[in-house]
Protein backbone atom coordinates (compact mmCIF):
# COMPACT_ATOMS: atom_id res chain seq x y z
CA UNK A 1 -24.36 -25.11 16.29
CA UNK A 2 -21.61 -26.36 13.59
CA UNK A 3 -18.55 -24.10 13.62
CA UNK A 4 -16.55 -22.79 10.48
CA UNK A 5 -13.10 -23.54 10.98
CA UNK A 6 -10.79 -20.55 10.69
CA UNK A 7 -8.00 -20.31 7.99
CA UNK A 8 -5.78 -17.20 8.18
CA UNK A 9 -4.60 -15.59 5.02
CA UNK A 10 -1.80 -13.13 4.99
CA UNK A 11 -3.13 -9.42 4.21
CA UNK A 12 -1.85 -9.65 0.62
CA UNK A 13 -3.62 -12.97 -0.35
CA UNK A 14 -7.00 -11.75 1.28
CA UNK A 15 -6.75 -8.49 -0.61
CA UNK A 16 -6.37 -10.48 -3.81
CA UNK A 17 -8.91 -13.06 -3.08
CA UNK A 18 -11.47 -10.20 -2.47
CA UNK A 19 -10.51 -8.42 -5.47
CA UNK A 20 -10.63 -11.44 -7.96
CA UNK A 21 -14.16 -12.10 -6.33
CA UNK A 22 -15.33 -8.40 -6.84
CA UNK A 23 -13.51 -7.79 -10.40
CA UNK A 24 -14.29 -11.15 -11.65
CA UNK A 25 -16.66 -10.25 -14.50
CA UNK A 26 -15.25 -6.87 -15.17
CA UNK A 27 -11.94 -7.05 -15.67
CA UNK A 28 -10.99 -3.73 -17.28
CA UNK A 29 -12.60 -2.11 -14.31
CA UNK A 30 -10.21 -3.26 -11.92
CA UNK A 31 -7.58 -0.71 -9.66
CA UNK A 32 -4.41 -0.72 -11.36
CA UNK A 33 -3.10 -1.25 -7.77
CA UNK A 34 -4.90 -4.26 -6.96
CA UNK A 35 -1.80 -7.00 -7.44
CA UNK A 36 0.76 -4.10 -5.86
CA UNK A 37 2.07 -4.26 -2.40
CA UNK A 38 0.51 -1.71 -0.64
CA UNK A 39 2.68 -0.08 2.57
CA UNK A 40 1.28 1.44 5.76
CA UNK A 41 2.24 5.19 7.06
CA UNK A 42 4.60 3.57 9.74
CA UNK A 43 6.32 1.61 7.19
CA UNK A 44 7.24 4.28 4.54
CA UNK A 45 8.00 6.76 7.62
CA UNK A 46 10.74 3.78 8.73
CA UNK A 47 12.14 3.75 5.25
CA UNK A 48 12.69 7.56 5.09
CA UNK A 49 13.61 7.82 8.60
CA UNK A 50 10.95 10.31 9.29
CA UNK A 51 7.60 10.31 11.43
CA UNK A 52 4.49 9.29 10.23
CA UNK A 53 2.87 12.62 10.38
CA UNK A 54 5.69 13.64 7.94
CA UNK A 55 4.25 10.95 5.56
CA UNK A 56 0.74 12.17 5.82
CA UNK A 57 2.25 15.61 4.89
CA UNK A 58 3.87 13.95 1.85
CA UNK A 59 0.40 12.63 0.75
CA UNK A 60 -1.51 15.75 1.20
CA UNK A 61 1.06 17.79 -0.74
CA UNK A 62 0.91 15.76 -3.43
CA UNK A 63 5.01 14.04 -3.18
CA UNK A 64 3.13 10.20 -2.49
CA UNK A 65 -0.29 9.09 -4.10
CA UNK A 66 -2.11 7.39 -1.33
CA UNK A 67 -4.88 5.12 -1.84
CA UNK A 68 -7.67 5.50 0.98
CA UNK A 69 -9.19 2.31 2.53
CA UNK A 70 -12.88 2.23 3.29
CA UNK A 71 -11.99 2.92 6.95
CA UNK A 72 -9.86 5.90 5.94
CA UNK A 73 -6.62 4.82 6.42
CA UNK A 74 -3.78 5.51 3.62
CA UNK A 75 -1.96 3.10 2.20
CA UNK A 76 1.15 3.54 -0.03
CA UNK A 77 2.29 1.58 -3.39
CA UNK A 78 5.73 -0.04 -2.73
CA UNK A 79 6.81 0.86 -6.48
CA UNK A 80 6.17 4.43 -5.95
CA UNK A 81 7.99 4.75 -2.40
CA UNK A 82 10.84 2.84 -3.83
CA UNK A 83 11.19 5.11 -6.40
CA UNK A 84 10.89 8.17 -4.82
CA UNK A 85 13.63 6.70 -1.76
CA UNK A 86 16.01 5.88 -4.69
CA UNK A 87 15.54 9.15 -6.49
CA UNK A 88 16.32 10.76 -2.85
CA UNK A 89 19.25 8.59 -2.39
CA UNK A 90 22.61 10.64 -2.10
CA UNK A 91 25.40 8.73 -3.65
CA UNK A 92 28.47 7.64 -1.34
CA UNK A 93 31.69 9.70 -1.64
CA UNK A 94 34.78 7.65 -1.39
């Protein structure tokens, strides 16, 4: 039995490679988020300094658009999270 060498790819690169093969023939059917960085609920919670449950509540309420993975996990678009974070920032007073 011959072993195949294991090569590690970062999750973003692996996702892009899979997407390229899946949507190679049908470019117009490609999801718009495929080349965008996706954040996990814990990462979003750390940015906003809230709990992961609060992030889930925001997704259910429609404040954040979530992409649901085949395993049922939520992922959030980094650009949308950044925009929401910037809109919630309070300007510093001197």
